[in-house]
Amino acid sequence: MDTLQIPVGTETYAYLEEISWDEYERLLESIGERPIRCTYDEGRLEIMTLSHEHEFESRVLGRLVGILVAMLRIRMRTGGSVSSV
């Protein structure tokens, strides 16, 4: 896998194909705790840096969903980036 540099601070997307699972795991190790989200599916890798604006919008949307499920009395369990209804 070639070295890929993504500027942090602005929201940026990168899509790579033909990436092995081992390469994906090495990438995750090298990212560490930086605000970068990776999604892997059958050799395709999506990398997204997270901006403050993205996180703000995500929190607002999460709050709206929380209000909606409370009003509709729907049971929901949250877990950060993972939620279930």
PDB file of N, CA and C in Angstrom:
ATOM      1  N   MET A   1       0.860  -1.178   0.000  1.00  0.00           N
ATOM      2  CA  MET A   1       0.000   0.000   0.000  1.00  0.00           C
ATOM      3  C   MET A   1       0.898   1.231   0.000  1.00  0.00           C
ATOM      4  N   ASP A   2       0.619   2.173  -0.886  1.00  0.00           N
ATOM      5  CA  ASP A   2       1.371   3.419  -0.939  1.00  0.00           C
ATOM      6  C   ASP A   2       1.013   4.287   0.251  1.00  0.00           C
ATOM      7  N   THR A   3       1.927   5.187   0.617  1.00  0.00           N
ATOM      8  CA  THR A   3       1.674   6.116   1.712  1.00  0.00           C
ATOM      9  C   THR A   3       0.602   7.096   1.274  1.00  0.00           C
ATOM     10  N   LEU A   4      -0.367   7.329   2.140  1.00  0.00           N
ATOM     11  CA  LEU A   4      -1.470   8.245   1.852  1.00  0.00           C
ATOM     12  C   LEU A   4      -1.495   9.295   2.949  1.00  0.00           C
ATOM     13  N   GLN A   5      -1.368  10.553   2.581  1.00  0.00           N
ATOM     14  CA  GLN A   5      -1.415  11.628   3.562  1.00  0.00           C
ATOM     15  C   GLN A   5      -2.725  12.387   3.395  1.00  0.00           C
ATOM     16  N   ILE A   6      -3.423  12.557   4.513  1.00  0.00           N
ATOM     17  CA  ILE A   6      -4.696  13.261   4.506  1.00  0.00           C
ATOM     18  C   ILE A   6      -4.586  14.432   5.453  1.00  0.00           C
ATOM     19  N   PRO A   7      -4.816  15.661   4.977  1.00  0.00           N
ATOM     20  CA  PRO A   7      -4.742  16.811   5.873  1.00  0.00           C
ATOM     21  C   PRO A   7      -5.863  16.770   6.902  1.00  0.00           C
ATOM     22  N   VAL A   8      -5.526  16.920   8.167  1.00  0.00           N
ATOM     23  CA  VAL A   8      -6.525  16.934   9.232  1.00  0.00           C
ATOM     24  C   VAL A   8      -6.936  18.377   9.466  1.00  0.00           C
ATOM     25  N   GLY A   9      -8.225  18.604   9.717  1.00  0.00           N
ATOM     26  CA  GLY A   9      -8.724  19.957   9.939  1.00  0.00           C
ATOM     27  C   GLY A   9      -9.827  20.313   8.971  1.00  0.00           C
ATOM     28  N   THR A  10      -9.812  19.688   7.810  1.00  0.00           N
ATOM     29  CA  THR A  10     -10.902  19.865   6.860  1.00  0.00           C
ATOM     30  C   THR A  10     -11.452  18.482   6.563  1.00  0.00           C
ATOM     31  N   GLU A  11     -12.732  18.416   6.211  1.00  0.00           N
ATOM     32  CA  GLU A  11     -13.327  17.122   5.914  1.00  0.00           C
ATOM     33  C   GLU A  11     -12.886  16.693   4.529  1.00  0.00           C
ATOM     34  N   THR A  12     -12.256  15.525   4.454  1.00  0.00           N
ATOM     35  CA  THR A  12     -11.708  15.026   3.211  1.00  0.00           C
ATOM     36  C   THR A  12     -12.031  13.541   3.081  1.00  0.00           C
ATOM     37  N   TYR A  13     -12.319  13.096   1.867  1.00  0.00           N
ATOM     38  CA  TYR A  13     -12.614  11.696   1.606  1.00  0.00           C
ATOM     39  C   TYR A  13     -11.551  11.111   0.690  1.00  0.00           C
ATOM     40  N   ALA A  14     -11.231   9.844   0.898  1.00  0.00           N
ATOM     41  CA  ALA A  14     -10.367   9.109  -0.017  1.00  0.00           C
ATOM     42  C   ALA A  14     -10.958   7.721  -0.184  1.00  0.00           C
ATOM     43  N   TYR A  15     -10.975   7.223  -1.413  1.00  0.00           N
ATOM     44  CA  TYR A  15     -11.467   5.879  -1.700  1.00  0.00           C
ATOM     45  C   TYR A  15     -10.333   5.099  -2.339  1.00  0.00           C
ATOM     46  N   LEU A  16     -10.045   3.932  -1.785  1.00  0.00           N
ATOM     47  CA  LEU A  16      -8.993   3.072  -2.325  1.00  0.00           C
ATOM     48  C   LEU A  16      -9.592   1.700  -2.599  1.00  0.00           C
ATOM     49  N   GLU A  17      -9.089   1.037  -3.627  1.00  0.00           N
ATOM     50  CA  GLU A  17      -9.564  -0.302  -3.964  1.00  0.00           C
ATOM     51  C   GLU A  17      -8.392  -1.274  -3.939  1.00  0.00           C
ATOM     52  N   GLU A  18      -8.728  -2.557  -3.865  1.00  0.00           N
ATOM     53  CA  GLU A  18      -7.747  -3.638  -3.827  1.00  0.00           C
ATOM     54  C   GLU A  18      -6.819  -3.513  -2.613  1.00  0.00           C
ATOM     55  N   ILE A  19      -7.403  -3.216  -1.464  1.00  0.00           N
ATOM     56  CA  ILE A  19      -6.664  -3.121  -0.207  1.00  0.00           C
ATOM     57  C   ILE A  19      -6.912  -4.416   0.567  1.00  0.00           C
ATOM     58  N   SER A  20      -5.841  -5.045   1.031  1.00  0.00           N
ATOM     59  CA  SER A  20      -6.013  -6.286   1.786  1.00  0.00           C
ATOM     60  C   SER A  20      -6.432  -5.968   3.218  1.00  0.00           C
ATOM     61  N   TRP A  21      -6.972  -6.979   3.877  1.00  0.00           N
ATOM     62  CA  TRP A  21      -7.375  -6.818   5.272  1.00  0.00           C
ATOM     63  C   TRP A  21      -6.157  -6.466   6.146  1.00  0.00           C
ATOM     64  N   ASP A  22      -5.006  -7.086   5.867  1.00  0.00           N
ATOM     65  CA  ASP A  22      -3.785  -6.784   6.626  1.00  0.00           C
ATOM     66  C   ASP A  22      -3.372  -5.327   6.452  1.00  0.00           C
ATOM     67  N   GLU A  23      -3.472  -4.807   5.235  1.00  0.00           N
ATOM     68  CA  GLU A  23      -3.148  -3.400   4.993  1.00  0.00           C
ATOM     69  C   GLU A  23      -4.110  -2.492   5.753  1.00  0.00           C
ATOM     70  N   TYR A  24      -5.388  -2.855   5.763  1.00  0.00           N
ATOM     71  CA  TYR A  24      -6.394  -2.090   6.490  1.00  0.00           C
ATOM     72  C   TYR A  24      -6.070  -2.056   7.981  1.00  0.00           C
ATOM     73  N   GLU A  25      -5.722  -3.196   8.557  1.00  0.00           N
ATOM     74  CA  GLU A  25      -5.385  -3.236   9.986  1.00  0.00           C
ATOM     75  C   GLU A  25      -4.139  -2.421  10.295  1.00  0.00           C
ATOM     76  N   ARG A  26      -3.135  -2.466   9.420  1.00  0.00           N
ATOM     77  CA  ARG A  26      -1.923  -1.646   9.631  1.00  0.00           C
ATOM     78  C   ARG A  26      -2.266  -0.156   9.579  1.00  0.00           C
ATOM     79  N   LEU A  27      -3.153   0.209   8.663  1.00  0.00           N
ATOM     80  CA  LEU A  27      -3.575   1.604   8.561  1.00  0.00           C
ATOM     81  C   LEU A  27      -4.267   2.051   9.843  1.00  0.00           C
ATOM     82  N   LEU A  28      -5.167   1.219  10.362  1.00  0.00           N
ATOM     83  CA  LEU A  28      -5.859   1.559  11.603  1.00  0.00           C
ATOM     84  C   LEU A  28      -4.874   1.754  12.751  1.00  0.00           C
ATOM     85  N   GLU A  29      -3.864   0.897  12.833  1.00  0.00           N
ATOM     86  CA  GLU A  29      -2.848   1.041  13.877  1.00  0.00           C
ATOM     87  C   GLU A  29      -2.103   2.364  13.733  1.00  0.00           C
ATOM     88  N   SER A  30      -1.781   2.735  12.507  1.00  0.00           N
ATOM     89  CA  SER A  30      -1.013   3.969  12.299  1.00  0.00           C
ATOM     90  C   SER A  30      -1.861   5.217  12.537  1.00  0.00           C
ATOM     91  N   ILE A  31      -3.164   5.120  12.337  1.00  0.00           N
ATOM     92  CA  ILE A  31      -4.055   6.262  12.580  1.00  0.00           C
ATOM     93  C   ILE A  31      -4.161   6.552  14.068  1.00  0.00           C
ATOM     94  N   GLY A  32      -4.251   5.499  14.866  1.00  0.00           N
ATOM     95  CA  GLY A  32      -4.349   5.677  16.309  1.00  0.00           C
ATOM     96  C   GLY A  32      -5.609   6.423  16.708  1.00  0.00           C
ATOM     97  N   GLU A  33      -5.441   7.474  17.504  1.00  0.00           N
ATOM     98  CA  GLU A  33      -6.576   8.234  18.043  1.00  0.00           C
ATOM     99  C   GLU A  33      -6.910   9.484  17.232  1.00  0.00           C
ATOM    100  N   ARG A  34      -6.310   9.642  16.070  1.00  0.00           N
ATOM    101  CA  ARG A  34      -6.590  10.828  15.256  1.00  0.00           C
ATOM    102  C   ARG A  34      -8.028  10.810  14.744  1.00  0.00           C
ATOM    103  N   PRO A  35      -8.598  11.983  14.452  1.00  0.00           N
ATOM    104  CA  PRO A  35     -10.003  12.057  14.019  1.00  0.00           C
ATOM    105  C   PRO A  35     -10.193  11.643  12.563  1.00  0.00           C
ATOM    106  N   ILE A  36      -9.951  10.366  12.302  1.00  0.00           N
ATOM    107  CA  ILE A  36     -10.072   9.824  10.954  1.00  0.00           C
ATOM    108  C   ILE A  36     -10.947   8.577  11.036  1.00  0.00           C
ATOM    109  N   ARG A  37     -11.956   8.489  10.196  1.00  0.00           N
ATOM    110  CA  ARG A  37     -12.863   7.330  10.174  1.00  0.00           C
ATOM    111  C   ARG A  37     -12.562   6.504   8.930  1.00  0.00           C
ATOM    112  N   CYS A  38     -12.432   5.187   9.124  1.00  0.00           N
ATOM    113  CA  CYS A  38     -12.169   4.263   8.013  1.00  0.00           C
ATOM    114  C   CYS A  38     -13.286   3.244   7.924  1.00  0.00           C
ATOM    115  N   THR A  39     -13.688   2.935   6.703  1.00  0.00           N
ATOM    116  CA  THR A  39     -14.684   1.906   6.450  1.00  0.00           C
ATOM    117  C   THR A  39     -14.117   0.972   5.395  1.00  0.00           C
ATOM    118  N   TYR A  40     -14.158  -0.330   5.685  1.00  0.00           N
ATOM    119  CA  TYR A  40     -13.577  -1.328   4.789  1.00  0.00           C
ATOM    120  C   TYR A  40     -14.645  -2.324   4.358  1.00  0.00           C
ATOM    121  N   ASP A  41     -14.695  -2.652   3.058  1.00  0.00           N
ATOM    122  CA  ASP A  41     -15.643  -3.646   2.559  1.00  0.00           C
ATOM    123  C   ASP A  41     -15.056  -4.338   1.335  1.00  0.00           C
ATOM    124  N   GLU A  42     -14.716  -5.604   1.495  1.00  0.00           N
ATOM    125  CA  GLU A  42     -14.261  -6.441   0.394  1.00  0.00           C
ATOM    126  C   GLU A  42     -13.202  -5.770  -0.480  1.00  0.00           C
ATOM    127  N   GLY A  43     -12.161  -5.260   0.146  1.00  0.00           N
ATOM    128  CA  GLY A  43     -11.048  -4.672  -0.597  1.00  0.00           C
ATOM    129  C   GLY A  43     -11.187  -3.199  -0.905  1.00  0.00           C
ATOM    130  N   ARG A  44     -12.354  -2.624  -0.617  1.00  0.00           N
ATOM    131  CA  ARG A  44     -12.566  -1.190  -0.839  1.00  0.00           C
ATOM    132  C   ARG A  44     -12.448  -0.472   0.499  1.00  0.00           C
ATOM    133  N   LEU A  45     -11.716   0.611   0.504  1.00  0.00           N
ATOM    134  CA  LEU A  45     -11.469   1.357   1.725  1.00  0.00           C
ATOM    135  C   LEU A  45     -11.882   2.805   1.534  1.00  0.00           C
ATOM    136  N   GLU A  46     -12.708   3.296   2.446  1.00  0.00           N
ATOM    137  CA  GLU A  46     -13.095   4.704   2.465  1.00  0.00           C
ATOM    138  C   GLU A  46     -12.465   5.322   3.698  1.00  0.00           C
ATOM    139  N   ILE A  47     -11.794   6.437   3.506  1.00  0.00           N
ATOM    140  CA  ILE A  47     -11.156   7.156   4.605  1.00  0.00           C
ATOM    141  C   ILE A  47     -11.748   8.556   4.642  1.00  0.00           C
ATOM    142  N   MET A  48     -12.153   8.988   5.827  1.00  0.00           N
ATOM    143  CA  MET A  48     -12.743  10.313   5.959  1.00  0.00           C
ATOM    144  C   MET A  48     -12.152  10.996   7.186  1.00  0.00           C
ATOM    145  N   THR A  49     -11.625  12.183   6.989  1.00  0.00           N
ATOM    146  CA  THR A  49     -11.215  12.974   8.140  1.00  0.00           C
ATOM    147  C   THR A  49     -12.441  13.697   8.659  1.00  0.00           C
ATOM    148  N   LEU A  50     -12.510  13.879   9.954  1.00  0.00           N
ATOM    149  CA  LEU A  50     -13.672  14.496  10.573  1.00  0.00           C
ATOM    150  C   LEU A  50     -13.359  15.939  10.949  1.00  0.00           C
ATOM    151  N   SER A  51     -14.229  16.831  10.548  1.00  0.00           N
ATOM    152  CA  SER A  51     -14.073  18.244  10.879  1.00  0.00           C
ATOM    153  C   SER A  51     -14.968  18.586  12.061  1.00  0.00           C
ATOM    154  N   HIS A  52     -14.731  19.719  12.662  1.00  0.00           N
ATOM    155  CA  HIS A  52     -15.580  20.184  13.766  1.00  0.00           C
ATOM    156  C   HIS A  52     -17.014  20.337  13.278  1.00  0.00           C
ATOM    157  N   GLU A  53     -17.189  20.861  12.074  1.00  0.00           N
ATOM    158  CA  GLU A  53     -18.530  21.055  11.514  1.00  0.00           C
ATOM    159  C   GLU A  53     -19.257  19.719  11.371  1.00  0.00           C
ATOM    160  N   HIS A  54     -18.556  18.702  10.885  1.00  0.00           N
ATOM    161  CA  HIS A  54     -19.154  17.373  10.736  1.00  0.00           C
ATOM    162  C   HIS A  54     -19.607  16.834  12.090  1.00  0.00           C
ATOM    163  N   GLU A  55     -18.762  16.941  13.092  1.00  0.00           N
ATOM    164  CA  GLU A  55     -19.101  16.436  14.417  1.00  0.00           C
ATOM    165  C   GLU A  55     -20.267  17.212  15.026  1.00  0.00           C
ATOM    166  N   PHE A  56     -20.297  18.522  14.806  1.00  0.00           N
ATOM    167  CA  PHE A  56     -21.396  19.348  15.321  1.00  0.00           C
ATOM    168  C   PHE A  56     -22.717  18.901  14.700  1.00  0.00           C
ATOM    169  N   GLU A  57     -22.728  18.741  13.373  1.00  0.00           N
ATOM    170  CA  GLU A  57     -23.943  18.320  12.680  1.00  0.00           C
ATOM    171  C   GLU A  57     -24.359  16.928  13.127  1.00  0.00           C
ATOM    172  N   SER A  58     -23.406  16.054  13.350  1.00  0.00           N
ATOM    173  CA  SER A  58     -23.702  14.705  13.820  1.00  0.00           C
ATOM    174  C   SER A  58     -24.376  14.735  15.186  1.00  0.00           C
ATOM    175  N   ARG A  59     -23.877  15.589  16.073  1.00  0.00           N
ATOM    176  CA  ARG A  59     -24.468  15.691  17.422  1.00  0.00           C
ATOM    177  C   ARG A  59     -25.888  16.258  17.360  1.00  0.00           C
ATOM    178  N   VAL A  60     -26.095  17.265  16.522  1.00  0.00           N
ATOM    179  CA  VAL A  60     -27.436  17.846  16.385  1.00  0.00           C
ATOM    180  C   VAL A  60     -28.407  16.792  15.868  1.00  0.00           C
ATOM    181  N   LEU A  61     -27.996  16.060  14.834  1.00  0.00           N
ATOM    182  CA  LEU A  61     -28.844  15.009  14.286  1.00  0.00           C
ATOM    183  C   LEU A  61     -29.139  13.943  15.347  1.00  0.00           C
ATOM    184  N   GLY A  62     -28.136  13.561  16.119  1.00  0.00           N
ATOM    185  CA  GLY A  62     -28.325  12.589  17.180  1.00  0.00           C
ATOM    186  C   GLY A  62     -29.332  13.050  18.219  1.00  0.00           C
ATOM    187  N   ARG A  63     -29.266  14.319  18.561  1.00  0.00           N
ATOM    188  CA  ARG A  63     -30.232  14.867  19.526  1.00  0.00           C
ATOM    189  C   ARG A  63     -31.652  14.853  18.963  1.00  0.00           C
ATOM    190  N   LEU A  64     -31.775  15.204  17.683  1.00  0.00           N
ATOM    191  CA  LEU A  64     -33.104  15.179  17.055  1.00  0.00           C
ATOM    192  C   LEU A  64     -33.677  13.761  17.033  1.00  0.00           C
ATOM    193  N   VAL A  65     -32.853  12.784  16.713  1.00  0.00           N
ATOM    194  CA  VAL A  65     -33.314  11.392  16.725  1.00  0.00           C
ATOM    195  C   VAL A  65     -33.711  10.991  18.144  1.00  0.00           C
ATOM    196  N   GLY A  66     -32.926  11.409  19.130  1.00  0.00           N
ATOM    197  CA  GLY A  66     -33.249  11.114  20.523  1.00  0.00           C
ATOM    198  C   GLY A  66     -34.603  11.669  20.937  1.00  0.00           C
ATOM    199  N   ILE A  67     -34.884  12.886  20.541  1.00  0.00           N
ATOM    200  CA  ILE A  67     -36.179  13.504  20.846  1.00  0.00           C
ATOM    201  C   ILE A  67     -37.308  12.748  20.143  1.00  0.00           C
ATOM    202  N   LEU A  68     -37.096  12.404  18.867  1.00  0.00           N
ATOM    203  CA  LEU A  68     -38.107  11.688  18.103  1.00  0.00           C
ATOM    204  C   LEU A  68     -38.427  10.331  18.725  1.00  0.00           C
ATOM    205  N   VAL A  69     -37.418   9.550  19.073  1.00  0.00           N
ATOM    206  CA  VAL A  69     -37.690   8.224  19.644  1.00  0.00           C
ATOM    207  C   VAL A  69     -38.346   8.349  21.013  1.00  0.00           C
ATOM    208  N   ALA A  70     -38.023   9.404  21.759  1.00  0.00           N
ATOM    209  CA  ALA A  70     -38.685   9.609  23.055  1.00  0.00           C
ATOM    210  C   ALA A  70     -40.160   9.944  22.845  1.00  0.00           C
ATOM    211  N   MET A  71     -40.448  10.818  21.889  1.00  0.00           N
ATOM    212  CA  MET A  71     -41.831  11.205  21.631  1.00  0.00           C
ATOM    213  C   MET A  71     -42.659  10.027  21.119  1.00  0.00           C
ATOM    214  N   LEU A  72     -42.036   9.172  20.305  1.00  0.00           N
ATOM    215  CA  LEU A  72     -42.739   8.018  19.743  1.00  0.00           C
ATOM    216  C   LEU A  72     -42.656   6.798  20.658  1.00  0.00           C
ATOM    217  N   ARG A  73     -41.983   6.958  21.778  1.00  0.00           N
ATOM    218  CA  ARG A  73     -41.819   5.873  22.763  1.00  0.00           C
ATOM    219  C   ARG A  73     -41.192   4.626  22.136  1.00  0.00           C
ATOM    220  N   ILE A  74     -40.161   4.861  21.351  1.00  0.00           N
ATOM    221  CA  ILE A  74     -39.407   3.774  20.732  1.00  0.00           C
ATOM    222  C   ILE A  74     -38.171   3.523  21.589  1.00  0.00           C
ATOM    223  N   ARG A  75     -37.906   2.265  21.889  1.00  0.00           N
ATOM    224  CA  ARG A  75     -36.727   1.943  22.673  1.00  0.00           C
ATOM    225  C   ARG A  75     -35.506   2.023  21.770  1.00  0.00           C
ATOM    226  N   MET A  76     -34.455   2.679  22.259  1.00  0.00           N
ATOM    227  CA  MET A  76     -33.236   2.818  21.487  1.00  0.00           C
ATOM    228  C   MET A  76     -32.066   2.737  22.432  1.00  0.00           C
ATOM    229  N   ARG A  77     -31.036   2.043  22.010  1.00  0.00           N
ATOM    230  CA  ARG A  77     -29.812   1.937  22.787  1.00  0.00           C
ATOM    231  C   ARG A  77     -28.680   2.530  21.955  1.00  0.00           C
ATOM    232  N   THR A  78     -27.963   3.506  22.504  1.00  0.00           N
ATOM    233  CA  THR A  78     -26.877   4.143  21.751  1.00  0.00           C
ATOM    234  C   THR A  78     -25.532   3.640  22.252  1.00  0.00           C
ATOM    235  N   GLY A  79     -24.563   3.773  21.382  1.00  0.00           N
ATOM    236  CA  GLY A  79     -23.212   3.359  21.727  1.00  0.00           C
ATOM    237  C   GLY A  79     -22.203   4.120  20.897  1.00  0.00           C
ATOM    238  N   GLY A  80     -22.201   5.429  20.981  1.00  0.00           N
ATOM    239  CA  GLY A  80     -21.262   6.224  20.191  1.00  0.00           C
ATOM    240  C   GLY A  80     -21.641   6.170  18.723  1.00  0.00           C
ATOM    241  N   SER A  81     -20.755   5.626  17.894  1.00  0.00           N
ATOM    242  CA  SER A  81     -21.024   5.522  16.462  1.00  0.00           C
ATOM    243  C   SER A  81     -21.965   4.380  16.128  1.00  0.00           C
ATOM    244  N   VAL A  82     -22.269   3.528  17.123  1.00  0.00           N
ATOM    245  CA  VAL A  82     -23.124   2.375  16.876  1.00  0.00           C
ATOM    246  C   VAL A  82     -24.382   2.500  17.712  1.00  0.00           C
ATOM    247  N   SER A  83     -25.540   2.408  17.080  1.00  0.00           N
ATOM    248  CA  SER A  83     -26.822   2.472  17.772  1.00  0.00           C
ATOM    249  C   SER A  83     -27.694   1.327  17.300  1.00  0.00           C
ATOM    250  N   SER A  84     -28.674   0.951  18.103  1.00  0.00           N
ATOM    251  CA  SER A  84     -29.624  -0.074  17.682  1.00  0.00           C
ATOM    252  C   SER A  84     -31.003   0.329  18.154  1.00  0.00           C
ATOM    253  N   VAL A  85     -32.002  -0.058  17.376  1.00  0.00           N
ATOM    254  CA  VAL A  85     -33.405   0.236  17.716  1.00  0.00           C
ATOM    255  C   VAL A  85     -34.084  -1.070  18.040  1.00  0.00           C
TER     256      VAL A  85
END
